Structure formats: structure tokens, C-alpha cells
Amino acid sequence: MEKKKYYVNIGTQEISQIPYGTNAEFVIYANDEEIFLLREKFNEIRDADLSSYVRAHIPFIPYHNDPQNDDYDSGIKGAYQMIYNLADSATKTAMDDANIGKEI
């Protein structure tokens, strides 16, 4: 499959072929299947974020017992790893400099 250039912003969860505003936080080259998987990862992050928001309003559950936050953290790490694997050389260098996306 042909890889196309995409601009990605993790904070806003944007994936676009057109640079606009702040959506060009990361530049990646991906095929349709890889973009689908990245969008799925963003959906998982959004779901975990909503779950952690709801959980934050339940005071009798101990904070250290919070799998929703663990799911969110895992999703963010997975998204950064996917972006790192698909990144162009400039983006990969910037991520290396910031120690973002390297496998642990």
C-alpha cells in the first residue's frame, strides 16, 4: 500500500493530510491501515479519558486503585510509539531529543 504524508497532533487527536494551525505537531508517513490503527488508538485514549473523568467523581474508590488512568497512560504511550515508528526523519529526531516514543 502507498504511504501518504500526514500531520498529527496528539493533544487534539487530529490526523490530516493538510497542515493547518497546530495540527502539524508530528509528521508521519502511513498507509490507510496504519491511519485506521492510529485513529483506533485515539478512540481508546478518548474512552479511557472519559472513564477516568467519571471515576474522579467517585470519592470512595481509592485513588491508587485507578485502572482508568493506567488505560489512558498505556494508550498515550502506544500512540506515541506508533507515531515514532511512522515518523519522518525530522520528527523522529525531535522525538529522540525529547525522549518521546522510544520503546521501553
PDB file of N, CA and C in Angstrom:
ATOM      1  N   MET A   1       0.832  -1.190   0.000  1.00  0.00           N
ATOM      2  CA  MET A   1       0.000   0.000   0.000  1.00  0.00           C
ATOM      3  C   MET A   1       0.874   1.250   0.000  1.00  0.00           C
ATOM      4  N   GLU A   2       0.379   2.253  -0.647  1.00  0.00           N
ATOM      5  CA  GLU A   2       1.100   3.516  -0.752  1.00  0.00           C
ATOM      6  C   GLU A   2       1.004   4.300   0.558  1.00  0.00           C
ATOM      7  N   LYS A   3       2.144   4.825   0.990  1.00  0.00           N
ATOM      8  CA  LYS A   3       2.171   5.654   2.196  1.00  0.00           C
ATOM      9  C   LYS A   3       2.017   7.110   1.800  1.00  0.00           C
ATOM     10  N   LYS A   4       1.224   7.822   2.582  1.00  0.00           N
ATOM     11  CA  LYS A   4       0.977   9.243   2.346  1.00  0.00           C
ATOM     12  C   LYS A   4       1.461  10.031   3.551  1.00  0.00           C
ATOM     13  N   LYS A   5       1.687  11.310   3.327  1.00  0.00           N
ATOM     14  CA  LYS A   5       2.137  12.196   4.390  1.00  0.00           C
ATOM     15  C   LYS A   5       0.933  12.680   5.197  1.00  0.00           C
ATOM     16  N   TYR A   6       1.062  12.590   6.528  1.00  0.00           N
ATOM     17  CA  TYR A   6       0.010  13.045   7.426  1.00  0.00           C
ATOM     18  C   TYR A   6       0.614  13.925   8.511  1.00  0.00           C
ATOM     19  N   TYR A   7      -0.201  14.829   9.007  1.00  0.00           N
ATOM     20  CA  TYR A   7       0.152  15.698  10.114  1.00  0.00           C
ATOM     21  C   TYR A   7      -0.691  15.275  11.312  1.00  0.00           C
ATOM     22  N   VAL A   8      -0.034  15.090  12.455  1.00  0.00           N
ATOM     23  CA  VAL A   8      -0.716  14.532  13.627  1.00  0.00           C
ATOM     24  C   VAL A   8      -0.494  15.438  14.827  1.00  0.00           C
ATOM     25  N   ASN A   9      -1.554  15.626  15.595  1.00  0.00           N
ATOM     26  CA  ASN A   9      -1.488  16.339  16.857  1.00  0.00           C
ATOM     27  C   ASN A   9      -2.117  15.445  17.916  1.00  0.00           C
ATOM     28  N   ILE A  10      -1.326  15.031  18.886  1.00  0.00           N
ATOM     29  CA  ILE A  10      -1.831  14.121  19.923  1.00  0.00           C
ATOM     30  C   ILE A  10      -2.865  14.812  20.810  1.00  0.00           C
ATOM     31  N   GLY A  11      -2.608  16.048  21.194  1.00  0.00           N
ATOM     32  CA  GLY A  11      -3.500  16.762  22.110  1.00  0.00           C
ATOM     33  C   GLY A  11      -4.916  16.902  21.574  1.00  0.00           C
ATOM     34  N   THR A  12      -5.019  17.238  20.301  1.00  0.00           N
ATOM     35  CA  THR A  12      -6.347  17.407  19.694  1.00  0.00           C
ATOM     36  C   THR A  12      -6.790  16.139  18.960  1.00  0.00           C
ATOM     37  N   GLN A  13      -5.910  15.163  18.895  1.00  0.00           N
ATOM     38  CA  GLN A  13      -6.155  13.887  18.225  1.00  0.00           C
ATOM     39  C   GLN A  13      -6.520  14.071  16.757  1.00  0.00           C
ATOM     40  N   GLU A  14      -5.839  15.025  16.133  1.00  0.00           N
ATOM     41  CA  GLU A  14      -6.041  15.287  14.709  1.00  0.00           C
ATOM     42  C   GLU A  14      -5.074  14.469  13.870  1.00  0.00           C
ATOM     43  N   ILE A  15      -5.576  13.981  12.751  1.00  0.00           N
ATOM     44  CA  ILE A  15      -4.762  13.344  11.722  1.00  0.00           C
ATOM     45  C   ILE A  15      -5.238  13.934  10.406  1.00  0.00           C
ATOM     46  N   SER A  16      -4.360  14.633   9.708  1.00  0.00           N
ATOM     47  CA  SER A  16      -4.766  15.335   8.497  1.00  0.00           C
ATOM     48  C   SER A  16      -3.663  15.278   7.446  1.00  0.00           C
ATOM     49  N   GLN A  17      -4.063  15.339   6.200  1.00  0.00           N
ATOM     50  CA  GLN A  17      -3.097  15.427   5.118  1.00  0.00           C
ATOM     51  C   GLN A  17      -2.777  16.888   4.786  1.00  0.00           C
ATOM     52  N   ILE A  18      -3.480  17.801   5.427  1.00  0.00           N
ATOM     53  CA  ILE A  18      -3.292  19.224   5.174  1.00  0.00           C
ATOM     54  C   ILE A  18      -2.806  19.886   6.458  1.00  0.00           C
ATOM     55  N   PRO A  19      -1.636  20.535   6.426  1.00  0.00           N
ATOM     56  CA  PRO A  19      -1.176  21.229   7.639  1.00  0.00           C
ATOM     57  C   PRO A  19      -2.046  22.467   7.880  1.00  0.00           C
ATOM     58  N   TYR A  20      -2.557  22.572   9.097  1.00  0.00           N
ATOM     59  CA  TYR A  20      -3.428  23.698   9.420  1.00  0.00           C
ATOM     60  C   TYR A  20      -3.311  23.979  10.908  1.00  0.00           C
ATOM     61  N   GLY A  21      -3.048  25.215  11.252  1.00  0.00           N
ATOM     62  CA  GLY A  21      -2.954  25.592  12.656  1.00  0.00           C
ATOM     63  C   GLY A  21      -1.861  24.815  13.356  1.00  0.00           C
ATOM     64  N   THR A  22      -2.243  24.125  14.415  1.00  0.00           N
ATOM     65  CA  THR A  22      -1.262  23.379  15.199  1.00  0.00           C
ATOM     66  C   THR A  22      -1.328  21.875  14.960  1.00  0.00           C
ATOM     67  N   ASN A  23      -1.942  21.457  13.863  1.00  0.00           N
ATOM     68  CA  ASN A  23      -2.079  20.017  13.649  1.00  0.00           C
ATOM     69  C   ASN A  23      -0.790  19.356  13.171  1.00  0.00           C
ATOM     70  N   ALA A  24       0.239  20.131  12.896  1.00  0.00           N
ATOM     71  CA  ALA A  24       1.495  19.577  12.378  1.00  0.00           C
ATOM     72  C   ALA A  24       2.514  19.336  13.491  1.00  0.00           C
ATOM     73  N   GLU A  25       2.043  18.886  14.651  1.00  0.00           N
ATOM     74  CA  GLU A  25       2.938  18.585  15.762  1.00  0.00           C
ATOM     75  C   GLU A  25       3.919  17.478  15.366  1.00  0.00           C
ATOM     76  N   PHE A  26       3.416  16.468  14.667  1.00  0.00           N
ATOM     77  CA  PHE A  26       4.234  15.358  14.179  1.00  0.00           C
ATOM     78  C   PHE A  26       3.916  15.120  12.704  1.00  0.00           C
ATOM     79  N   VAL A  27       4.933  14.751  11.935  1.00  0.00           N
ATOM     80  CA  VAL A  27       4.753  14.405  10.529  1.00  0.00           C
ATOM     81  C   VAL A  27       5.057  12.921  10.377  1.00  0.00           C
ATOM     82  N   ILE A  28       4.097  12.193   9.806  1.00  0.00           N
ATOM     83  CA  ILE A  28       4.278  10.758   9.620  1.00  0.00           C
ATOM     84  C   ILE A  28       3.972  10.385   8.174  1.00  0.00           C
ATOM     85  N   TYR A  29       4.416   9.213   7.784  1.00  0.00           N
ATOM     86  CA  TYR A  29       4.070   8.614   6.500  1.00  0.00           C
ATOM     87  C   TYR A  29       3.409   7.279   6.801  1.00  0.00           C
ATOM     88  N   ALA A  30       2.171   7.126   6.359  1.00  0.00           N
ATOM     89  CA  ALA A  30       1.410   5.935   6.708  1.00  0.00           C
ATOM     90  C   ALA A  30       0.465   5.552   5.583  1.00  0.00           C
ATOM     91  N   ASN A  31       0.109   4.267   5.556  1.00  0.00           N
ATOM     92  CA  ASN A  31      -0.907   3.809   4.614  1.00  0.00           C
ATOM     93  C   ASN A  31      -2.271   3.854   5.314  1.00  0.00           C
ATOM     94  N   ASP A  32      -3.315   3.505   4.586  1.00  0.00           N
ATOM     95  CA  ASP A  32      -4.672   3.604   5.129  1.00  0.00           C
ATOM     96  C   ASP A  32      -4.863   2.737   6.378  1.00  0.00           C
ATOM     97  N   GLU A  33      -4.288   1.548   6.373  1.00  0.00           N
ATOM     98  CA  GLU A  33      -4.439   0.647   7.515  1.00  0.00           C
ATOM     99  C   GLU A  33      -3.759   1.220   8.767  1.00  0.00           C
ATOM    100  N   GLU A  34      -2.581   1.797   8.589  1.00  0.00           N
ATOM    101  CA  GLU A  34      -1.870   2.381   9.726  1.00  0.00           C
ATOM    102  C   GLU A  34      -2.610   3.588  10.290  1.00  0.00           C
ATOM    103  N   ILE A  35      -3.215   4.378   9.416  1.00  0.00           N
ATOM    104  CA  ILE A  35      -4.016   5.518   9.880  1.00  0.00           C
ATOM    105  C   ILE A  35      -5.246   5.027  10.633  1.00  0.00           C
ATOM    106  N   PHE A  36      -5.865   3.975  10.144  1.00  0.00           N
ATOM    107  CA  PHE A  36      -7.013   3.385  10.842  1.00  0.00           C
ATOM    108  C   PHE A  36      -6.609   2.950  12.249  1.00  0.00           C
ATOM    109  N   LEU A  37      -5.454   2.287  12.371  1.00  0.00           N
ATOM    110  CA  LEU A  37      -4.992   1.823  13.679  1.00  0.00           C
ATOM    111  C   LEU A  37      -4.670   2.996  14.610  1.00  0.00           C
ATOM    112  N   LEU A  38      -4.097   4.069  14.060  1.00  0.00           N
ATOM    113  CA  LEU A  38      -3.817   5.250  14.875  1.00  0.00           C
ATOM    114  C   LEU A  38      -5.119   5.909  15.340  1.00  0.00           C
ATOM    115  N   ARG A  39      -6.097   5.981  14.465  1.00  0.00           N
ATOM    116  CA  ARG A  39      -7.405   6.534  14.866  1.00  0.00           C
ATOM    117  C   ARG A  39      -8.049   5.676  15.954  1.00  0.00           C
ATOM    118  N   GLU A  40      -7.903   4.351  15.836  1.00  0.00           N
ATOM    119  CA  GLU A  40      -8.430   3.444  16.863  1.00  0.00           C
ATOM    120  C   GLU A  40      -7.731   3.708  18.202  1.00  0.00           C
ATOM    121  N   LYS A  41      -6.419   3.937  18.158  1.00  0.00           N
ATOM    122  CA  LYS A  41      -5.667   4.240  19.372  1.00  0.00           C
ATOM    123  C   LYS A  41      -6.184   5.542  19.989  1.00  0.00           C
ATOM    124  N   PHE A  42      -6.454   6.558  19.162  1.00  0.00           N
ATOM    125  CA  PHE A  42      -7.013   7.806  19.667  1.00  0.00           C
ATOM    126  C   PHE A  42      -8.395   7.573  20.289  1.00  0.00           C
ATOM    127  N   ASN A  43      -9.201   6.709  19.694  1.00  0.00           N
ATOM    128  CA  ASN A  43     -10.513   6.385  20.263  1.00  0.00           C
ATOM    129  C   ASN A  43     -10.365   5.725  21.633  1.00  0.00           C
ATOM    130  N   GLU A  44      -9.394   4.824  21.758  1.00  0.00           N
ATOM    131  CA  GLU A  44      -9.144   4.170  23.044  1.00  0.00           C
ATOM    132  C   GLU A  44      -8.728   5.198  24.097  1.00  0.00           C
ATOM    133  N   ILE A  45      -7.889   6.153  23.706  1.00  0.00           N
ATOM    134  CA  ILE A  45      -7.459   7.205  24.633  1.00  0.00           C
ATOM    135  C   ILE A  45      -8.659   8.036  25.072  1.00  0.00           C
ATOM    136  N   ARG A  46      -9.512   8.390  24.121  1.00  0.00           N
ATOM    137  CA  ARG A  46     -10.696   9.197  24.436  1.00  0.00           C
ATOM    138  C   ARG A  46     -11.614   8.437  25.399  1.00  0.00           C
ATOM    139  N   ASP A  47     -11.813   7.144  25.157  1.00  0.00           N
ATOM    140  CA  ASP A  47     -12.657   6.340  26.043  1.00  0.00           C
ATOM    141  C   ASP A  47     -12.063   6.255  27.455  1.00  0.00           C
ATOM    142  N   ALA A  48     -10.743   6.036  27.540  1.00  0.00           N
ATOM    143  CA  ALA A  48     -10.087   5.962  28.844  1.00  0.00           C
ATOM    144  C   ALA A  48     -10.158   7.304  29.559  1.00  0.00           C
ATOM    145  N   ASP A  49     -10.032   8.394  28.804  1.00  0.00           N
ATOM    146  CA  ASP A  49     -10.120   9.723  29.392  1.00  0.00           C
ATOM    147  C   ASP A  49     -11.507   9.958  29.996  1.00  0.00           C
ATOM    148  N   LEU A  50     -12.533   9.573  29.271  1.00  0.00           N
ATOM    149  CA  LEU A  50     -13.895   9.720  29.783  1.00  0.00           C
ATOM    150  C   LEU A  50     -14.105   8.860  31.024  1.00  0.00           C
ATOM    151  N   SER A  51     -13.590   7.640  30.992  1.00  0.00           N
ATOM    152  CA  SER A  51     -13.722   6.755  32.152  1.00  0.00           C
ATOM    153  C   SER A  51     -13.004   7.325  33.368  1.00  0.00           C
ATOM    154  N   SER A  52     -11.832   7.902  33.174  1.00  0.00           N
ATOM    155  CA  SER A  52     -11.104   8.476  34.313  1.00  0.00           C
ATOM    156  C   SER A  52     -11.820   9.715  34.837  1.00  0.00           C
ATOM    157  N   TYR A  53     -12.476  10.459  33.961  1.00  0.00           N
ATOM    158  CA  TYR A  53     -13.260  11.620  34.395  1.00  0.00           C
ATOM    159  C   TYR A  53     -14.416  11.170  35.290  1.00  0.00           C
ATOM    160  N   VAL A  54     -15.119  10.140  34.853  1.00  0.00           N
ATOM    161  CA  VAL A  54     -16.242   9.624  35.633  1.00  0.00           C
ATOM    162  C   VAL A  54     -15.738   9.079  36.971  1.00  0.00           C
ATOM    163  N   ARG A  55     -14.642   8.317  36.929  1.00  0.00           N
ATOM    164  CA  ARG A  55     -14.082   7.726  38.134  1.00  0.00           C
ATOM    165  C   ARG A  55     -13.644   8.805  39.135  1.00  0.00           C
ATOM    166  N   ALA A  56     -13.169   9.934  38.669  1.00  0.00           N
ATOM    167  CA  ALA A  56     -12.704  11.010  39.541  1.00  0.00           C
ATOM    168  C   ALA A  56     -13.831  11.569  40.404  1.00  0.00           C
ATOM    169  N   HIS A  57     -15.063  11.325  40.019  1.00  0.00           N
ATOM    170  CA  HIS A  57     -16.211  11.833  40.766  1.00  0.00           C
ATOM    171  C   HIS A  57     -16.799  10.800  41.720  1.00  0.00           C
ATOM    172  N   ILE A  58     -16.065   9.720  41.943  1.00  0.00           N
ATOM    173  CA  ILE A  58     -16.497   8.695  42.893  1.00  0.00           C
ATOM    174  C   ILE A  58     -15.489   8.699  44.043  1.00  0.00           C
ATOM    175  N   PRO A  59     -15.793   9.419  45.120  1.00  0.00           N
ATOM    176  CA  PRO A  59     -14.788   9.657  46.166  1.00  0.00           C
ATOM    177  C   PRO A  59     -14.416   8.434  46.999  1.00  0.00           C
ATOM    178  N   PHE A  60     -15.244   7.407  47.058  1.00  0.00           N
ATOM    179  CA  PHE A  60     -14.946   6.294  47.955  1.00  0.00           C
ATOM    180  C   PHE A  60     -14.048   5.225  47.325  1.00  0.00           C
ATOM    181  N   ILE A  61     -13.641   5.393  46.061  1.00  0.00           N
ATOM    182  CA  ILE A  61     -12.691   4.477  45.441  1.00  0.00           C
ATOM    183  C   ILE A  61     -11.294   5.052  45.641  1.00  0.00           C
ATOM    184  N   PRO A  62     -10.374   4.280  46.250  1.00  0.00           N
ATOM    185  CA  PRO A  62      -9.018   4.800  46.477  1.00  0.00           C
ATOM    186  C   PRO A  62      -8.349   5.202  45.161  1.00  0.00           C
ATOM    187  N   TYR A  63      -7.639   6.314  45.213  1.00  0.00           N
ATOM    188  CA  TYR A  63      -7.021   6.844  44.000  1.00  0.00           C
ATOM    189  C   TYR A  63      -6.007   5.883  43.397  1.00  0.00           C
ATOM    190  N   HIS A  64      -5.265   5.165  44.243  1.00  0.00           N
ATOM    191  CA  HIS A  64      -4.256   4.239  43.721  1.00  0.00           C
ATOM    192  C   HIS A  64      -4.880   3.045  43.004  1.00  0.00           C
ATOM    193  N   ASN A  65      -6.162   2.825  43.203  1.00  0.00           N
ATOM    194  CA  ASN A  65      -6.883   1.744  42.525  1.00  0.00           C
ATOM    195  C   ASN A  65      -7.643   2.348  41.349  1.00  0.00           C
ATOM    196  N   ASP A  66      -6.907   2.759  40.333  1.00  0.00           N
ATOM    197  CA  ASP A  66      -7.499   3.519  39.236  1.00  0.00           C
ATOM    198  C   ASP A  66      -7.046   2.975  37.878  1.00  0.00           C
ATOM    199  N   PRO A  67      -7.613   1.868  37.436  1.00  0.00           N
ATOM    200  CA  PRO A  67      -7.197   1.284  36.148  1.00  0.00           C
ATOM    201  C   PRO A  67      -7.516   2.188  34.955  1.00  0.00           C
ATOM    202  N   GLN A  68      -8.460   3.111  35.103  1.00  0.00           N
ATOM    203  CA  GLN A  68      -8.785   4.018  34.003  1.00  0.00           C
ATOM    204  C   GLN A  68      -7.590   4.903  33.659  1.00  0.00           C
ATOM    205  N   ASN A  69      -6.891   5.407  34.681  1.00  0.00           N
ATOM    206  CA  ASN A  69      -5.692   6.207  34.422  1.00  0.00           C
ATOM    207  C   ASN A  69      -4.601   5.362  33.788  1.00  0.00           C
ATOM    208  N   ASP A  70      -4.479   4.109  34.238  1.00  0.00           N
ATOM    209  CA  ASP A  70      -3.492   3.203  33.640  1.00  0.00           C
ATOM    210  C   ASP A  70      -3.813   2.961  32.172  1.00  0.00           C
ATOM    211  N   ASP A  71      -5.095   2.797  31.848  1.00  0.00           N
ATOM    212  CA  ASP A  71      -5.504   2.608  30.448  1.00  0.00           C
ATOM    213  C   ASP A  71      -5.175   3.840  29.617  1.00  0.00           C
ATOM    214  N   TYR A  72      -5.422   5.016  30.178  1.00  0.00           N
ATOM    215  CA  TYR A  72      -5.123   6.261  29.474  1.00  0.00           C
ATOM    216  C   TYR A  72      -3.622   6.370  29.213  1.00  0.00           C
ATOM    217  N   ASP A  73      -2.821   6.134  30.247  1.00  0.00           N
ATOM    218  CA  ASP A  73      -1.362   6.205  30.099  1.00  0.00           C
ATOM    219  C   ASP A  73      -0.857   5.211  29.062  1.00  0.00           C
ATOM    220  N   SER A  74      -1.394   4.016  29.093  1.00  0.00           N
ATOM    221  CA  SER A  74      -0.999   2.993  28.132  1.00  0.00           C
ATOM    222  C   SER A  74      -1.368   3.412  26.709  1.00  0.00           C
ATOM    223  N   GLY A  75      -2.538   4.008  26.554  1.00  0.00           N
ATOM    224  CA  GLY A  75      -2.971   4.481  25.241  1.00  0.00           C
ATOM    225  C   GLY A  75      -2.080   5.590  24.699  1.00  0.00           C
ATOM    226  N   ILE A  76      -1.725   6.536  25.549  1.00  0.00           N
ATOM    227  CA  ILE A  76      -0.846   7.637  25.138  1.00  0.00           C
ATOM    228  C   ILE A  76       0.520   7.092  24.721  1.00  0.00           C
ATOM    229  N   LYS A  77       1.069   6.193  25.530  1.00  0.00           N
ATOM    230  CA  LYS A  77       2.361   5.596  25.190  1.00  0.00           C
ATOM    231  C   LYS A  77       2.292   4.860  23.860  1.00  0.00           C
ATOM    232  N   GLY A  78       1.201   4.115  23.651  1.00  0.00           N
ATOM    233  CA  GLY A  78       1.028   3.383  22.393  1.00  0.00           C
ATOM    234  C   GLY A  78       0.911   4.313  21.199  1.00  0.00           C
ATOM    235  N   ALA A  79       0.209   5.421  21.365  1.00  0.00           N
ATOM    236  CA  ALA A  79       0.061   6.392  20.271  1.00  0.00           C
ATOM    237  C   ALA A  79       1.408   7.020  19.934  1.00  0.00           C
ATOM    238  N   TYR A  80       2.165   7.406  20.959  1.00  0.00           N
ATOM    239  CA  TYR A  80       3.490   7.973  20.701  1.00  0.00           C
ATOM    240  C   TYR A  80       4.397   6.953  20.016  1.00  0.00           C
ATOM    241  N   GLN A  81       4.301   5.692  20.423  1.00  0.00           N
ATOM    242  CA  GLN A  81       5.125   4.657  19.800  1.00  0.00           C
ATOM    243  C   GLN A  81       4.754   4.490  18.325  1.00  0.00           C
ATOM    244  N   MET A  82       3.454   4.488  18.029  1.00  0.00           N
ATOM    245  CA  MET A  82       3.016   4.377  16.636  1.00  0.00           C
ATOM    246  C   MET A  82       3.516   5.560  15.815  1.00  0.00           C
ATOM    247  N   ILE A  83       3.387   6.754  16.363  1.00  0.00           N
ATOM    248  CA  ILE A  83       3.844   7.959  15.656  1.00  0.00           C
ATOM    249  C   ILE A  83       5.347   7.890  15.432  1.00  0.00           C
ATOM    250  N   TYR A  84       6.085   7.472  16.440  1.00  0.00           N
ATOM    251  CA  TYR A  84       7.536   7.361  16.308  1.00  0.00           C
ATOM    252  C   TYR A  84       7.903   6.384  15.187  1.00  0.00           C
ATOM    253  N   ASN A  85       7.214   5.255  15.136  1.00  0.00           N
ATOM    254  CA  ASN A  85       7.504   4.244  14.116  1.00  0.00           C
ATOM    255  C   ASN A  85       7.184   4.728  12.699  1.00  0.00           C
ATOM    256  N   LEU A  86       6.219   5.633  12.575  1.00  0.00           N
ATOM    257  CA  LEU A  86       5.794   6.125  11.262  1.00  0.00           C
ATOM    258  C   LEU A  86       6.394   7.485  10.909  1.00  0.00           C
ATOM    259  N   ALA A  87       7.121   8.082  11.825  1.00  0.00           N
ATOM    260  CA  ALA A  87       7.592   9.463  11.675  1.00  0.00           C
ATOM    261  C   ALA A  87       8.621   9.626  10.560  1.00  0.00           C
ATOM    262  N   ASP A  88       8.625  10.853   9.990  1.00  0.00           N
ATOM    263  CA  ASP A  88       9.702  11.197   9.057  1.00  0.00           C
ATOM    264  C   ASP A  88      10.969  11.455   9.878  1.00  0.00           C
ATOM    265  N   SER A  89      12.084  11.649   9.213  1.00  0.00           N
ATOM    266  CA  SER A  89      13.362  11.750   9.927  1.00  0.00           C
ATOM    267  C   SER A  89      13.422  12.971  10.854  1.00  0.00           C
ATOM    268  N   ALA A  90      12.874  14.103  10.444  1.00  0.00           N
ATOM    269  CA  ALA A  90      12.898  15.299  11.286  1.00  0.00           C
ATOM    270  C   ALA A  90      12.056  15.101  12.550  1.00  0.00           C
ATOM    271  N   THR A  91      10.898  14.498  12.384  1.00  0.00           N
ATOM    272  CA  THR A  91      10.028  14.235  13.528  1.00  0.00           C
ATOM    273  C   THR A  91      10.671  13.224  14.458  1.00  0.00           C
ATOM    274  N   LYS A  92      11.276  12.188  13.886  1.00  0.00           N
ATOM    275  CA  LYS A  92      11.921  11.167  14.701  1.00  0.00           C
ATOM    276  C   LYS A  92      13.085  11.771  15.498  1.00  0.00           C
ATOM    277  N   THR A  93      13.843  12.649  14.869  1.00  0.00           N
ATOM    278  CA  THR A  93      14.951  13.314  15.562  1.00  0.00           C
ATOM    279  C   THR A  93      14.422  14.171  16.715  1.00  0.00           C
ATOM    280  N   ALA A  94      13.368  14.929  16.463  1.00  0.00           N
ATOM    281  CA  ALA A  94      12.779  15.772  17.516  1.00  0.00           C
ATOM    282  C   ALA A  94      12.243  14.911  18.654  1.00  0.00           C
ATOM    283  N   MET A  95      11.637  13.787  18.321  1.00  0.00           N
ATOM    284  CA  MET A  95      11.125  12.883  19.355  1.00  0.00           C
ATOM    285  C   MET A  95      12.274  12.251  20.137  1.00  0.00           C
ATOM    286  N   ASP A  96      13.357  11.904  19.447  1.00  0.00           N
ATOM    287  CA  ASP A  96      14.540  11.363  20.136  1.00  0.00           C
ATOM    288  C   ASP A  96      15.098  12.394  21.112  1.00  0.00           C
ATOM    289  N   ASP A  97      15.186  13.640  20.647  1.00  0.00           N
ATOM    290  CA  ASP A  97      15.716  14.710  21.501  1.00  0.00           C
ATOM    291  C   ASP A  97      14.857  14.918  22.749  1.00  0.00           C
ATOM    292  N   ALA A  98      13.550  14.731  22.607  1.00  0.00           N
ATOM    293  CA  ALA A  98      12.626  14.906  23.728  1.00  0.00           C
ATOM    294  C   ALA A  98      12.389  13.596  24.481  1.00  0.00           C
ATOM    295  N   ASN A  99      13.060  12.516  24.034  1.00  0.00           N
ATOM    296  CA  ASN A  99      12.918  11.187  24.636  1.00  0.00           C
ATOM    297  C   ASN A  99      11.464  10.731  24.636  1.00  0.00           C
ATOM    298  N   ILE A 100      10.800  10.913  23.492  1.00  0.00           N
ATOM    299  CA  ILE A 100       9.394  10.539  23.343  1.00  0.00           C
ATOM    300  C   ILE A 100       9.298   9.408  22.312  1.00  0.00           C
ATOM    301  N   GLY A 101       8.525   8.388  22.642  1.00  0.00           N
ATOM    302  CA  GLY A 101       8.190   7.365  21.672  1.00  0.00           C
ATOM    303  C   GLY A 101       9.142   6.201  21.574  1.00  0.00           C
ATOM    304  N   LYS A 102      10.259   6.257  22.268  1.00  0.00           N
ATOM    305  CA  LYS A 102      11.178   5.125  22.227  1.00  0.00           C
ATOM    306  C   LYS A 102      10.587   3.989  23.035  1.00  0.00           C
ATOM    307  N   GLU A 103      10.760   2.778  22.534  1.00  0.00           N
ATOM    308  CA  GLU A 103      10.265   1.624  23.269  1.00  0.00           C
ATOM    309  C   GLU A 103      11.024   1.470  24.570  1.00  0.00           C
ATOM    310  N   ILE A 104      10.291   1.087  25.576  1.00  0.00           N
ATOM    311  CA  ILE A 104      10.900   0.925  26.899  1.00  0.00           C
ATOM    312  C   ILE A 104      11.150  -0.548  27.146  1.00  0.00           C
TER     313      ILE A 104
END
